[in-house]
Amino acid sequence: MFDPRDVETAEFPYPQLGLELPREASSKVQIDVAALSDPGKVRERNEDHFYVARGGRRATTLVTNVPAADIPSQFEETAYLLVVADGMGGHAGGEVASRLAIATLINIILHAPDWIMRLDDEQAERLMDRAVARYRAIHKALQERARLDPALRGMGTTMTAAYSLGRDLFIAQVGDSRAYRFRDGTLQLLTRDQTHAQMLANEGLIRQQDVARHRLRHVLTSALGGLQSQLRTEIERTTLADGDRLLLCSDGLTDMVDDGEIAEVLKREVRSEEACRLLVDRALANGGKDNVTVVLARYSMPD
């Protein structure tokens, strides 16, 4: 005799009778995404790296005699990952650090036995805890690589990653590479620089408007790898709306192009590829004193 309690598991701690078919809203989200990186006019090498990916889970019915109303012939959920890393360190150290940080992150994700592709508050907390743990693993991997190769001693990197699943957006950050959301003509900074200058502003010792010109604005208080004794990973959860633009960038952009100029470019009704080129060109025209990297995505949401 069938007992509904037999289907109760740790994953589904309730009877599954009458369970509705899940909506695949996340797979309906479309993005126009592009990225561009330039060494700038002063630096000999480019120590920035970026990564953009689409991931998900998918089920396609091949053969069945169960009615179509009970089982979808195809089901898909989709998420997007955008990452920018700005390396630091003598010789090739910064270039190695940013590249290795992104490669380590992606390999950790690919080796994970499960991906979080459906969210409630509990799963969102689990996802954010995973992000912190993964940044910690990357930090240790970079330090171990530097220990094995003395030429890379002290190498480190910033890393800002954005993970979007449907309308949910998560930002994980270490360092001073930034994430912005552009919505309805307004540019909003989603991250806070982990620098000594920003720390002074947080403590009320200097004004926020003075941070951009402060002599300690490039001295990081936290980084992946390097000689930092502590790692502070900051996680932000927010939402996306139809037409939003999400920008990730290294400080090679924000040092050369202020928020007003960035907003002016993002107001233009141009594709992400052209907007990336316009932003990088602005940074180069204003001096191009550092490597400059931008990743830009425009989101189209279902009704």
Protein backbone atom coordinates (compact mmCIF):
# COMPACT_ATOMS: atom_id res chain seq x y z
CA MET A 1 0.00 0.00 0.00
CA PHE A 2 1.36 3.41 -0.99
CA ASP A 3 2.35 5.68 1.87
CA PRO A 4 3.16 9.34 0.97
CA ARG A 5 5.77 9.37 3.74
CA ASP A 6 7.87 7.00 1.65
CA VAL A 7 8.79 9.87 -0.67
CA GLU A 8 9.95 12.16 2.11
CA THR A 9 13.69 12.73 1.79
CA ALA A 10 16.26 15.25 2.94
CA GLU A 11 15.88 16.99 -0.42
CA PHE A 12 12.07 17.02 -0.45
CA PRO A 13 10.84 16.88 3.17
CA TYR A 14 7.15 16.90 2.19
CA PRO A 15 4.80 14.63 0.20
CA GLN A 16 5.05 15.15 -3.54
CA LEU A 17 1.41 14.48 -4.41
CA GLY A 18 0.06 17.16 -6.73
CA LEU A 19 3.41 18.88 -7.17
CA GLU A 20 3.15 21.48 -9.94
CA LEU A 21 5.56 21.49 -12.84
CA PRO A 22 8.35 24.01 -12.16
CA ARG A 23 8.57 27.21 -14.18
CA GLU A 24 11.73 27.63 -16.23
CA ALA A 25 11.82 31.42 -15.91
CA SER A 26 15.61 31.66 -15.71
CA SER A 27 16.01 30.11 -19.17
CA LYS A 28 13.85 32.88 -20.61
CA VAL A 29 16.35 35.56 -19.58
CA GLN A 30 18.47 36.79 -22.49
CA ILE A 31 21.66 38.80 -22.22
CA ASP A 32 23.69 40.83 -24.68
CA VAL A 33 27.17 40.43 -23.21
CA ALA A 34 30.65 41.50 -24.30
CA ALA A 35 34.08 42.01 -22.75
CA LEU A 36 37.24 43.88 -23.66
CA SER A 37 40.68 44.22 -22.07
CA ASP A 38 43.55 46.54 -23.02
CA PRO A 39 47.04 46.87 -21.50
CA GLY A 40 46.75 50.67 -21.57
CA LYS A 41 49.39 53.20 -22.53
CA VAL A 42 51.87 52.77 -19.68
CA ARG A 43 52.04 49.13 -18.57
CA GLU A 44 54.17 46.67 -20.55
CA ARG A 45 51.91 43.69 -19.88
CA ASN A 46 48.24 43.12 -19.25
CA GLU A 47 47.67 41.66 -15.78
CA ASP A 48 43.86 41.69 -16.10
CA HIS A 49 41.79 38.65 -17.01
CA PHE A 50 38.06 38.17 -17.49
CA TYR A 51 35.61 35.30 -17.91
CA VAL A 52 31.98 35.07 -19.03
CA ALA A 53 29.94 31.85 -19.10
CA ARG A 54 26.43 30.51 -19.38
CA GLY A 55 25.59 27.40 -17.39
CA GLY A 56 22.53 25.43 -16.48
CA ARG A 57 20.65 22.20 -16.27
CA ARG A 58 18.46 20.71 -18.95
CA ALA A 59 16.15 17.74 -19.37
CA THR A 60 14.75 16.57 -22.69
CA THR A 61 12.21 13.77 -22.83
CA LEU A 62 13.27 11.16 -25.38
CA VAL A 63 10.58 8.48 -25.05
CA THR A 64 7.58 8.21 -22.72
CA ASN A 65 3.91 7.32 -22.66
CA VAL A 66 3.20 9.66 -19.74
CA PRO A 67 0.85 12.48 -20.85
CA ALA A 68 2.57 15.70 -21.89
CA ALA A 69 0.56 17.61 -19.29
CA ASP A 70 2.35 15.67 -16.54
CA ILE A 71 5.94 15.86 -17.83
CA PRO A 72 7.45 18.68 -19.93
CA SER A 73 9.07 17.53 -23.15
CA GLN A 74 11.94 19.89 -22.39
CA PHE A 75 12.97 21.81 -19.28
CA GLU A 76 15.89 24.18 -18.85
CA GLU A 77 17.27 26.55 -16.22
CA THR A 78 20.06 29.00 -17.04
CA ALA A 79 22.54 31.08 -15.06
CA TYR A 80 25.30 33.48 -16.07
CA LEU A 81 28.73 34.05 -14.53
CA LEU A 82 30.87 37.15 -15.17
CA VAL A 83 34.33 37.60 -13.61
CA VAL A 84 37.04 40.28 -13.66
CA ALA A 85 40.42 39.84 -11.96
CA ASP A 86 43.18 42.47 -11.76
CA GLY A 87 46.57 40.99 -10.88
CA MET A 88 49.43 42.52 -8.95
CA GLY A 89 53.02 41.50 -8.37
CA GLY A 90 56.43 41.97 -9.88
CA HIS A 91 57.52 40.54 -13.20
CA ALA A 92 54.82 38.14 -14.40
CA GLY A 93 53.28 37.67 -10.93
CA GLY A 94 50.14 39.72 -11.47
CA GLU A 95 49.40 38.15 -14.82
CA VAL A 96 49.77 34.65 -13.35
CA ALA A 97 47.71 35.50 -10.26
CA SER A 98 44.65 36.81 -12.10
CA ARG A 99 44.72 34.00 -14.65
CA LEU A 100 45.19 31.30 -12.00
CA ALA A 101 42.46 32.78 -9.78
CA ILE A 102 39.83 32.55 -12.52
CA ALA A 103 41.02 29.12 -13.67
CA THR A 104 40.86 27.80 -10.10
CA LEU A 105 37.36 29.19 -9.59
CA ILE A 106 36.04 27.57 -12.76
CA ASN A 107 37.66 24.22 -11.95
CA ILE A 108 36.13 24.28 -8.47
CA ILE A 109 32.71 24.93 -9.99
CA LEU A 110 33.11 22.21 -12.61
CA HIS A 111 34.12 19.67 -9.95
CA ALA A 112 31.15 20.51 -7.72
CA PRO A 113 28.72 17.57 -7.49
CA ASP A 114 25.72 19.89 -7.71
CA TRP A 115 24.93 23.39 -8.92
CA ILE A 116 22.37 25.61 -7.22
CA MET A 117 19.90 26.37 -10.00
CA ARG A 118 16.70 27.07 -8.03
CA LEU A 119 16.57 29.63 -5.24
CA ASP A 120 14.78 30.25 -2.01
CA ASP A 121 16.28 32.09 0.97
CA GLU A 122 17.93 28.94 2.29
CA GLN A 123 19.52 28.08 -1.05
CA ALA A 124 20.63 31.70 -1.50
CA GLU A 125 22.47 31.52 1.83
CA ARG A 126 24.03 28.25 0.76
CA LEU A 127 25.16 29.79 -2.52
CA MET A 128 26.78 32.74 -0.73
CA ASP A 129 28.52 30.43 1.74
CA ARG A 130 29.91 28.49 -1.21
CA ALA A 131 31.25 31.67 -2.77
CA VAL A 132 33.13 32.56 0.40
CA ALA A 133 34.58 29.05 0.65
CA ARG A 134 35.65 29.10 -3.00
CA TYR A 135 37.40 32.44 -2.66
CA ARG A 136 39.21 31.05 0.38
CA ALA A 137 40.34 28.03 -1.66
CA ILE A 138 41.60 30.30 -4.45
CA HIS A 139 43.49 32.41 -1.90
CA LYS A 140 45.29 29.33 -0.59
CA ALA A 141 46.00 28.04 -4.10
CA LEU A 142 47.71 31.30 -5.07
CA GLN A 143 49.75 31.37 -1.91
CA GLU A 144 50.85 27.77 -2.48
CA ARG A 145 51.83 28.52 -6.08
CA ALA A 146 53.93 31.49 -4.89
CA ARG A 147 55.55 29.32 -2.24
CA LEU A 148 56.64 26.81 -4.90
CA ASP A 149 57.99 29.52 -7.22
CA PRO A 150 60.00 32.27 -5.48
CA ALA A 151 59.77 34.45 -8.58
CA LEU A 152 56.04 34.77 -7.89
CA ARG A 153 56.41 35.70 -4.22
CA GLY A 154 53.83 38.28 -3.20
CA MET A 155 51.66 37.86 -6.29
CA GLY A 156 47.98 38.51 -5.77
CA THR A 157 44.83 39.63 -7.50
CA THR A 158 41.47 41.24 -7.06
CA MET A 159 38.47 39.27 -8.23
CA THR A 160 34.88 40.42 -8.67
CA ALA A 161 32.34 37.85 -9.82
CA ALA A 162 28.66 38.24 -10.68
CA TYR A 163 26.27 35.27 -10.75
CA SER A 164 22.78 35.82 -12.10
CA LEU A 165 19.95 33.30 -11.98
CA GLY A 166 16.72 34.70 -13.32
CA ARG A 167 16.21 38.03 -11.59
CA ASP A 168 18.52 37.16 -8.69
CA LEU A 169 22.02 38.63 -8.77
CA PHE A 170 24.93 37.79 -6.47
CA ILE A 171 28.18 39.75 -6.38
CA ALA A 172 31.32 38.35 -4.73
CA GLN A 173 34.29 40.68 -4.34
CA VAL A 174 37.83 40.83 -3.06
CA GLY A 175 39.90 43.93 -3.85
CA ASP A 176 38.87 47.01 -5.81
CA SER A 177 37.54 45.75 -9.13
CA ARG A 178 34.00 47.04 -9.27
CA ALA A 179 30.48 46.00 -10.22
CA TYR A 180 27.85 48.54 -11.30
CA ARG A 181 24.17 48.23 -12.20
CA PHE A 182 22.76 50.74 -14.69
CA ARG A 183 18.99 51.10 -14.49
CA ASP A 184 16.64 53.78 -15.81
CA GLY A 185 19.48 56.20 -16.49
CA THR A 186 21.07 55.79 -13.05
CA LEU A 187 24.42 54.13 -12.36
CA GLN A 188 24.63 52.32 -9.01
CA LEU A 189 27.86 50.97 -7.51
CA LEU A 190 27.22 47.47 -6.12
CA THR A 191 30.64 46.97 -4.53
CA ARG A 192 32.86 48.88 -2.14
CA ASP A 193 36.61 49.12 -2.76
CA GLN A 194 38.75 47.21 -0.27
CA THR A 195 41.45 49.87 -0.03
CA HIS A 196 43.03 51.87 2.77
CA ALA A 197 41.50 55.06 1.39
CA GLN A 198 38.00 53.56 1.47
CA MET A 199 38.64 52.22 4.96
CA LEU A 200 39.49 55.76 6.13
CA ALA A 201 36.23 56.98 4.60
CA ASN A 202 34.29 54.18 6.29
CA GLU A 203 35.73 55.28 9.63
CA GLY A 204 34.86 58.91 8.95
CA LEU A 205 38.48 60.07 8.83
CA ILE A 206 38.20 61.40 5.29
CA ARG A 207 35.26 62.37 3.09
CA GLN A 208 33.91 59.83 0.61
CA GLN A 209 34.46 62.29 -2.25
CA ASP A 210 38.17 62.45 -1.34
CA VAL A 211 38.75 58.69 -1.76
CA ALA A 212 39.30 58.89 -5.53
CA ARG A 213 42.26 61.25 -5.08
CA HIS A 214 43.72 59.89 -1.86
CA ARG A 215 47.32 58.62 -1.92
CA LEU A 216 46.20 55.28 -0.42
CA ARG A 217 43.43 54.62 -2.95
CA HIS A 218 45.41 51.80 -4.58
CA VAL A 219 46.64 50.13 -1.38
CA LEU A 220 44.43 47.06 -0.94
CA THR A 221 43.24 45.87 2.46
CA SER A 222 42.32 42.45 1.05
CA ALA A 223 43.41 40.44 -1.98
CA LEU A 224 43.57 36.87 -3.21
CA GLY A 225 47.06 35.51 -2.66
CA GLY A 226 49.69 38.10 -1.91
CA LEU A 227 51.09 38.55 1.57
CA GLN A 228 47.74 39.39 3.14
CA SER A 229 47.24 37.56 6.42
CA GLN A 230 43.46 37.94 6.22
CA LEU A 231 40.99 37.52 3.38
CA ARG A 232 37.67 39.38 3.40
CA THR A 233 35.16 38.25 0.80
CA GLU A 234 32.16 40.54 0.47
CA ILE A 235 28.91 39.13 -0.90
CA GLU A 236 25.98 41.19 -2.13
CA ARG A 237 22.56 39.86 -3.13
CA THR A 238 20.27 42.04 -5.21
CA THR A 239 17.90 41.81 -8.17
CA LEU A 240 17.83 42.57 -11.87
CA ALA A 241 15.08 44.12 -13.96
CA ASP A 242 14.34 44.17 -17.65
CA GLY A 243 16.79 46.46 -19.46
CA ASP A 244 19.38 46.53 -16.66
CA ARG A 245 23.03 46.75 -17.62
CA LEU A 246 25.60 45.05 -15.41
CA LEU A 247 29.19 46.31 -15.62
CA LEU A 248 32.25 44.67 -14.10
CA CYS A 249 35.57 46.47 -14.48
CA SER A 250 39.10 46.82 -13.19
CA ASP A 251 40.32 50.09 -11.68
CA GLY A 252 42.00 50.87 -14.98
CA LEU A 253 38.57 52.06 -16.09
CA THR A 254 37.35 53.80 -12.92
CA ASP A 255 40.64 55.65 -12.33
CA MET A 256 40.44 57.17 -15.80
CA VAL A 257 36.68 57.50 -16.34
CA ASP A 258 34.38 58.86 -13.65
CA ASP A 259 30.91 57.54 -12.93
CA GLY A 260 29.26 60.34 -14.88
CA GLU A 261 31.15 59.44 -18.05
CA ILE A 262 30.41 55.74 -17.56
CA ALA A 263 26.71 56.50 -17.21
CA GLU A 264 26.79 58.66 -20.33
CA VAL A 265 28.12 55.74 -22.37
CA LEU A 266 25.65 53.24 -20.89
CA LYS A 267 22.73 55.54 -21.71
CA ARG A 268 23.41 55.03 -25.39
CA GLU A 269 21.23 52.47 -27.13
CA VAL A 270 24.15 50.47 -28.46
CA ARG A 271 25.06 46.81 -28.13
CA SER A 272 27.37 45.71 -25.34
CA GLU A 273 30.29 45.16 -27.70
CA GLU A 274 30.22 48.77 -28.85
CA ALA A 275 29.71 50.09 -25.32
CA CYS A 276 32.77 48.15 -24.12
CA ARG A 277 34.85 49.69 -26.89
CA LEU A 278 33.58 53.18 -26.01
CA LEU A 279 34.45 52.73 -22.32
CA VAL A 280 37.96 51.41 -23.01
CA ASP A 281 38.57 54.19 -25.53
CA ARG A 282 37.56 56.76 -22.91
CA ALA A 283 40.05 55.29 -20.45
CA LEU A 284 42.83 55.37 -23.04
CA ALA A 285 41.98 58.91 -24.13
CA ASN A 286 42.13 60.06 -20.50
CA GLY A 287 45.62 58.65 -20.01
CA GLY A 288 45.36 54.86 -19.95
CA LYS A 289 47.72 54.62 -16.99
CA ASP A 290 46.76 51.04 -16.14
CA ASN A 291 45.37 47.91 -17.74
CA VAL A 292 41.67 48.44 -18.38
CA THR A 293 39.09 45.65 -18.50
CA VAL A 294 35.32 45.83 -18.86
CA VAL A 295 32.63 43.15 -18.95
CA LEU A 296 29.16 44.41 -19.81
CA ALA A 297 25.82 42.59 -20.00
CA ARG A 298 22.36 43.89 -20.82
CA TYR A 299 19.48 41.79 -19.47
CA SER A 300 16.17 41.15 -21.18
CA MET A 301 13.65 39.63 -18.76
CA PRO A 302 10.45 37.73 -19.52
CA ASP A 303 7.16 39.29 -18.45
